[in-house]
PDB file of all heavy atoms in Angstrom:
ATOM      1  N   PRO A   1      32.717 -76.898   9.560  1.00  0.00           N
ATOM      2  CA  PRO A   1      32.321 -75.541   9.198  1.00  0.00           C
ATOM      3  C   PRO A   1      33.406 -74.904   8.320  1.00  0.00           C
ATOM      4  O   PRO A   1      34.527 -75.417   8.249  1.00  0.00           O
ATOM      5  CB  PRO A   1      32.274 -74.842  10.558  1.00  0.00           C
ATOM      6  CG  PRO A   1      33.388 -75.507  11.318  1.00  0.00           C
ATOM      7  CD  PRO A   1      33.379 -76.956  10.859  1.00  0.00           C
ATOM      8  N   PRO A   2      33.096 -73.784   7.671  1.00  0.00           N
ATOM      9  CA  PRO A   2      34.155 -73.068   6.954  1.00  0.00           C
ATOM     10  C   PRO A   2      35.092 -72.390   7.954  1.00  0.00           C
ATOM     11  O   PRO A   2      34.803 -72.338   9.154  1.00  0.00           O
ATOM     12  CB  PRO A   2      33.381 -72.042   6.128  1.00  0.00           C
ATOM     13  CG  PRO A   2      32.117 -71.824   6.880  1.00  0.00           C
ATOM     14  CD  PRO A   2      31.803 -73.146   7.533  1.00  0.00           C
ATOM     15  N   ASP A   3      36.188 -71.860   7.455  1.00  0.00           N
ATOM     16  CA  ASP A   3      37.135 -71.154   8.322  1.00  0.00           C
ATOM     17  C   ASP A   3      36.722 -69.687   8.478  1.00  0.00           C
ATOM     18  O   ASP A   3      35.633 -69.282   8.064  1.00  0.00           O
ATOM     19  CB  ASP A   3      38.564 -71.308   7.800  1.00  0.00           C
ATOM     20  CG  ASP A   3      38.823 -70.594   6.474  1.00  0.00           C
ATOM     21  OD1 ASP A   3      37.927 -69.871   5.973  1.00  0.00           O
ATOM     22  OD2 ASP A   3      39.921 -70.751   5.926  1.00  0.00           O
ATOM     23  N   GLN A   4      37.621 -68.900   9.056  1.00  0.00           N
ATOM     24  CA  GLN A   4      37.327 -67.512   9.380  1.00  0.00           C
ATOM     25  C   GLN A   4      37.029 -66.654   8.155  1.00  0.00           C
ATOM     26  O   GLN A   4      36.404 -65.606   8.272  1.00  0.00           O
ATOM     27  CB  GLN A   4      38.477 -66.884  10.186  1.00  0.00           C
ATOM     28  CG  GLN A   4      39.731 -66.557   9.391  1.00  0.00           C
ATOM     29  CD  GLN A   4      40.596 -67.750   9.038  1.00  0.00           C
ATOM     30  OE1 GLN A   4      40.349 -68.860   9.490  1.00  0.00           O
ATOM     31  NE2 GLN A   4      41.619 -67.529   8.237  1.00  0.00           N
ATOM     32  N   THR A   5      37.422 -67.093   6.977  1.00  0.00           N
ATOM     33  CA  THR A   5      37.141 -66.302   5.774  1.00  0.00           C
ATOM     34  C   THR A   5      35.654 -66.287   5.456  1.00  0.00           C
ATOM     35  O   THR A   5      35.215 -65.505   4.616  1.00  0.00           O
ATOM     36  CB  THR A   5      37.930 -66.814   4.552  1.00  0.00           C
ATOM     37  OG1 THR A   5      37.507 -68.146   4.245  1.00  0.00           O
ATOM     38  CG2 THR A   5      39.428 -66.775   4.803  1.00  0.00           C
ATOM     39  N   ARG A   6      34.887 -67.146   6.103  1.00  0.00           N
ATOM     40  CA  ARG A   6      33.436 -67.199   5.908  1.00  0.00           C
ATOM     41  C   ARG A   6      32.698 -66.970   7.233  1.00  0.00           C
ATOM     42  O   ARG A   6      31.609 -67.466   7.445  1.00  0.00           O
ATOM     43  CB  ARG A   6      33.019 -68.565   5.322  1.00  0.00           C
ATOM     44  CG  ARG A   6      33.666 -68.886   3.995  1.00  0.00           C
ATOM     45  CD  ARG A   6      33.164 -67.948   2.898  1.00  0.00           C
ATOM     46  NE  ARG A   6      33.797 -68.248   1.633  1.00  0.00           N
ATOM     47  CZ  ARG A   6      34.887 -67.651   1.162  1.00  0.00           C
ATOM     48  NH1 ARG A   6      35.480 -66.702   1.857  1.00  0.00           N
ATOM     49  NH2 ARG A   6      35.382 -67.979  -0.006  1.00  0.00           N
ATOM     50  N   SER A   7      33.299 -66.200   8.123  1.00  0.00           N
ATOM     51  CA  SER A   7      32.687 -65.980   9.436  1.00  0.00           C
ATOM     52  C   SER A   7      31.321 -65.307   9.333  1.00  0.00           C
ATOM     53  O   SER A   7      30.458 -65.533  10.182  1.00  0.00           O
ATOM     54  CB  SER A   7      33.620 -65.180  10.343  1.00  0.00           C
ATOM     55  OG  SER A   7      33.888 -63.912   9.769  1.00  0.00           O
ATOM     56  N   ALA A   8      31.089 -64.518   8.305  1.00  0.00           N
ATOM     57  CA  ALA A   8      29.792 -63.852   8.143  1.00  0.00           C
ATOM     58  C   ALA A   8      28.665 -64.834   7.848  1.00  0.00           C
ATOM     59  O   ALA A   8      27.491 -64.491   7.963  1.00  0.00           O
ATOM     60  CB  ALA A   8      29.871 -62.805   7.034  1.00  0.00           C
ATOM     61  N   SER A   9      28.985 -66.075   7.515  1.00  0.00           N
ATOM     62  CA  SER A   9      27.974 -67.089   7.205  1.00  0.00           C
ATOM     63  C   SER A   9      27.202 -67.547   8.450  1.00  0.00           C
ATOM     64  O   SER A   9      26.225 -68.274   8.322  1.00  0.00           O
ATOM     65  CB  SER A   9      28.632 -68.310   6.556  1.00  0.00           C
ATOM     66  OG  SER A   9      29.409 -69.021   7.518  1.00  0.00           O
ATOM     67  N   ARG A  10      27.680 -67.177   9.606  1.00  0.00           N
ATOM     68  CA  ARG A  10      27.122 -67.598  10.898  1.00  0.00           C
ATOM     69  C   ARG A  10      27.397 -69.076  11.179  1.00  0.00           C
ATOM     70  O   ARG A  10      26.781 -69.690  12.042  1.00  0.00           O
ATOM     71  CB  ARG A  10      25.633 -67.273  11.000  1.00  0.00           C
ATOM     72  CG  ARG A  10      25.366 -65.763  10.924  1.00  0.00           C
ATOM     73  CD  ARG A  10      23.921 -65.394  10.955  1.00  0.00           C
ATOM     74  NE  ARG A  10      23.391 -65.486  12.324  1.00  0.00           N
ATOM     75  CZ  ARG A  10      22.124 -65.229  12.611  1.00  0.00           C
ATOM     76  NH1 ARG A  10      21.276 -64.874  11.676  1.00  0.00           N
ATOM     77  NH2 ARG A  10      21.699 -65.335  13.858  1.00  0.00           N
ATOM     78  N   ALA A  11      28.338 -69.649  10.441  1.00  0.00           N
ATOM     79  CA  ALA A  11      28.694 -71.047  10.655  1.00  0.00           C
ATOM     80  C   ALA A  11      29.289 -71.278  12.041  1.00  0.00           C
ATOM     81  O   ALA A  11      29.107 -72.342  12.622  1.00  0.00           O
ATOM     82  CB  ALA A  11      29.668 -71.515   9.575  1.00  0.00           C
ATOM     83  N   GLY A  12      30.003 -70.289  12.578  1.00  0.00           N
ATOM     84  CA  GLY A  12      30.527 -70.421  13.929  1.00  0.00           C
ATOM     85  C   GLY A  12      29.398 -70.557  14.939  1.00  0.00           C
ATOM     86  O   GLY A  12      29.433 -71.398  15.832  1.00  0.00           O
ATOM     87  N   GLU A  13      28.369 -69.731  14.766  1.00  0.00           N
ATOM     88  CA  GLU A  13      27.193 -69.782  15.640  1.00  0.00           C
ATOM     89  C   GLU A  13      26.492 -71.136  15.516  1.00  0.00           C
ATOM     90  O   GLU A  13      26.101 -71.741  16.522  1.00  0.00           O
ATOM     91  CB  GLU A  13      26.251 -68.645  15.233  1.00  0.00           C
ATOM     92  CG  GLU A  13      25.089 -68.415  16.119  1.00  0.00           C
ATOM     93  CD  GLU A  13      24.240 -67.222  15.675  1.00  0.00           C
ATOM     94  OE1 GLU A  13      24.645 -66.454  14.790  1.00  0.00           O
ATOM     95  OE2 GLU A  13      23.136 -67.087  16.231  1.00  0.00           O
ATOM     96  N   LEU A  14      26.333 -71.627  14.293  1.00  0.00           N
ATOM     97  CA  LEU A  14      25.691 -72.925  14.077  1.00  0.00           C
ATOM     98  C   LEU A  14      26.519 -74.065  14.679  1.00  0.00           C
ATOM     99  O   LEU A  14      25.968 -74.999  15.265  1.00  0.00           O
ATOM    100  CB  LEU A  14      25.452 -73.167  12.590  1.00  0.00           C
ATOM    101  CG  LEU A  14      24.406 -72.269  11.934  1.00  0.00           C
ATOM    102  CD1 LEU A  14      24.454 -72.408  10.421  1.00  0.00           C
ATOM    103  CD2 LEU A  14      23.018 -72.578  12.469  1.00  0.00           C
ATOM    104  N   THR A  15      27.824 -73.994  14.528  1.00  0.00           N
ATOM    105  CA  THR A  15      28.697 -75.035  15.083  1.00  0.00           C
ATOM    106  C   THR A  15      28.591 -75.053  16.607  1.00  0.00           C
ATOM    107  O   THR A  15      28.529 -76.123  17.217  1.00  0.00           O
ATOM    108  CB  THR A  15      30.150 -74.826  14.623  1.00  0.00           C
ATOM    109  OG1 THR A  15      30.182 -74.777  13.189  1.00  0.00           O
ATOM    110  CG2 THR A  15      31.057 -75.953  15.091  1.00  0.00           C
ATOM    111  N   CYS A  16      28.539 -73.875  17.228  1.00  0.00           N
ATOM    112  CA  CYS A  16      28.352 -73.793  18.690  1.00  0.00           C
ATOM    113  C   CYS A  16      27.013 -74.399  19.094  1.00  0.00           C
ATOM    114  O   CYS A  16      26.932 -75.113  20.101  1.00  0.00           O
ATOM    115  CB  CYS A  16      28.422 -72.343  19.151  1.00  0.00           C
ATOM    116  SG  CYS A  16      30.080 -71.673  19.177  1.00  0.00           S
ATOM    117  N   LEU A  17      25.972 -74.136  18.310  1.00  0.00           N
ATOM    118  CA  LEU A  17      24.664 -74.722  18.607  1.00  0.00           C
ATOM    119  C   LEU A  17      24.710 -76.242  18.507  1.00  0.00           C
ATOM    120  O   LEU A  17      24.113 -76.940  19.331  1.00  0.00           O
ATOM    121  CB  LEU A  17      23.597 -74.158  17.668  1.00  0.00           C
ATOM    122  CG  LEU A  17      23.204 -72.698  17.893  1.00  0.00           C
ATOM    123  CD1 LEU A  17      22.317 -72.203  16.749  1.00  0.00           C
ATOM    124  CD2 LEU A  17      22.509 -72.521  19.234  1.00  0.00           C
ATOM    125  N   ALA A  18      25.427 -76.760  17.508  1.00  0.00           N
ATOM    126  CA  ALA A  18      25.571 -78.216  17.369  1.00  0.00           C
ATOM    127  C   ALA A  18      26.311 -78.791  18.570  1.00  0.00           C
ATOM    128  O   ALA A  18      25.937 -79.844  19.103  1.00  0.00           O
ATOM    129  CB  ALA A  18      26.305 -78.550  16.071  1.00  0.00           C
ATOM    130  N   TRP A  19      27.343 -78.102  19.026  1.00  0.00           N
ATOM    131  CA  TRP A  19      28.111 -78.547  20.197  1.00  0.00           C
ATOM    132  C   TRP A  19      27.222 -78.566  21.442  1.00  0.00           C
ATOM    133  O   TRP A  19      27.232 -79.526  22.213  1.00  0.00           O
ATOM    134  CB  TRP A  19      29.320 -77.633  20.389  1.00  0.00           C
ATOM    135  CG  TRP A  19      30.061 -77.829  21.673  1.00  0.00           C
ATOM    136  CD1 TRP A  19      30.686 -78.963  22.109  1.00  0.00           C
ATOM    137  CD2 TRP A  19      30.253 -76.847  22.686  1.00  0.00           C
ATOM    138  NE1 TRP A  19      31.263 -78.739  23.337  1.00  0.00           N
ATOM    139  CE2 TRP A  19      31.011 -77.444  23.707  1.00  0.00           C
ATOM    140  CE3 TRP A  19      29.872 -75.515  22.825  1.00  0.00           C
ATOM    141  CZ2 TRP A  19      31.394 -76.765  24.854  1.00  0.00           C
ATOM    142  CZ3 TRP A  19      30.258 -74.841  23.965  1.00  0.00           C
ATOM    143  CH2 TRP A  19      31.006 -75.459  24.969  1.00  0.00           C
ATOM    144  N   LYS A  20      26.419 -77.527  21.627  1.00  0.00           N
ATOM    145  CA  LYS A  20      25.525 -77.478  22.788  1.00  0.00           C
ATOM    146  C   LYS A  20      24.438 -78.557  22.692  1.00  0.00           C
ATOM    147  O   LYS A  20      24.052 -79.139  23.692  1.00  0.00           O
ATOM    148  CB  LYS A  20      24.913 -76.089  22.928  1.00  0.00           C
ATOM    149  CG  LYS A  20      25.934 -75.070  23.392  1.00  0.00           C
ATOM    150  CD  LYS A  20      25.381 -73.665  23.423  1.00  0.00           C
ATOM    151  CE  LYS A  20      26.480 -72.703  23.853  1.00  0.00           C
ATOM    152  NZ  LYS A  20      26.058 -71.309  23.798  1.00  0.00           N
ATOM    153  N   TYR A  21      23.974 -78.842  21.488  1.00  0.00           N
ATOM    154  CA  TYR A  21      22.939 -79.857  21.297  1.00  0.00           C
ATOM    155  C   TYR A  21      23.492 -81.268  21.530  1.00  0.00           C
ATOM    156  O   TYR A  21      22.898 -82.060  22.252  1.00  0.00           O
ATOM    157  CB  TYR A  21      22.351 -79.758  19.897  1.00  0.00           C
ATOM    158  CG  TYR A  21      21.260 -80.760  19.628  1.00  0.00           C
ATOM    159  CD1 TYR A  21      19.960 -80.528  20.061  1.00  0.00           C
ATOM    160  CD2 TYR A  21      21.527 -81.942  18.956  1.00  0.00           C
ATOM    161  CE1 TYR A  21      18.947 -81.450  19.832  1.00  0.00           C
ATOM    162  CE2 TYR A  21      20.524 -82.881  18.725  1.00  0.00           C
ATOM    163  CZ  TYR A  21      19.242 -82.629  19.170  1.00  0.00           C
ATOM    164  OH  TYR A  21      18.246 -83.556  18.946  1.00  0.00           O
ATOM    165  N   TYR A  22      24.631 -81.570  20.909  1.00  0.00           N
ATOM    166  CA  TYR A  22      25.174 -82.927  20.988  1.00  0.00           C
ATOM    167  C   TYR A  22      26.078 -83.151  22.197  1.00  0.00           C
ATOM    168  O   TYR A  22      26.372 -84.299  22.537  1.00  0.00           O
ATOM    169  CB  TYR A  22      25.930 -83.279  19.709  1.00  0.00           C
ATOM    170  CG  TYR A  22      24.999 -83.576  18.559  1.00  0.00           C
ATOM    171  CD1 TYR A  22      24.900 -82.711  17.484  1.00  0.00           C
ATOM    172  CD2 TYR A  22      24.203 -84.716  18.564  1.00  0.00           C
ATOM    173  CE1 TYR A  22      24.021 -82.978  16.432  1.00  0.00           C
ATOM    174  CE2 TYR A  22      23.323 -84.988  17.528  1.00  0.00           C
ATOM    175  CZ  TYR A  22      23.247 -84.111  16.468  1.00  0.00           C
ATOM    176  OH  TYR A  22      22.371 -84.378  15.436  1.00  0.00           O
ATOM    177  N   GLY A  23      26.555 -82.096  22.828  1.00  0.00           N
ATOM    178  CA  GLY A  23      27.432 -82.251  23.984  1.00  0.00           C
ATOM    179  C   GLY A  23      28.690 -83.020  23.628  1.00  0.00           C
ATOM    180  O   GLY A  23      29.300 -82.776  22.584  1.00  0.00           O
ATOM    181  N   SER A  24      29.054 -83.979  24.456  1.00  0.00           N
ATOM    182  CA  SER A  24      30.301 -84.731  24.233  1.00  0.00           C
ATOM    183  C   SER A  24      30.232 -85.630  23.000  1.00  0.00           C
ATOM    184  O   SER A  24      31.255 -86.136  22.546  1.00  0.00           O
ATOM    185  CB  SER A  24      30.646 -85.567  25.466  1.00  0.00           C
ATOM    186  OG  SER A  24      29.626 -86.510  25.713  1.00  0.00           O
ATOM    187  N   SER A  25      29.049 -85.811  22.438  1.00  0.00           N
ATOM    188  CA  SER A  25      28.945 -86.593  21.197  1.00  0.00           C
ATOM    189  C   SER A  25      29.539 -85.839  20.008  1.00  0.00           C
ATOM    190  O   SER A  25      29.932 -86.451  19.023  1.00  0.00           O
ATOM    191  CB  SER A  25      27.491 -86.949  20.890  1.00  0.00           C
ATOM    192  OG  SER A  25      27.009 -87.861  21.848  1.00  0.00           O
TER     193      SER A  25
END
């Protein structure tokens, strides 16, 4: 994902969703 300079992109939210979807993968 991008860093904090692009936090408005919702990339943090998407990355969290990917983590919840893939779990330990």
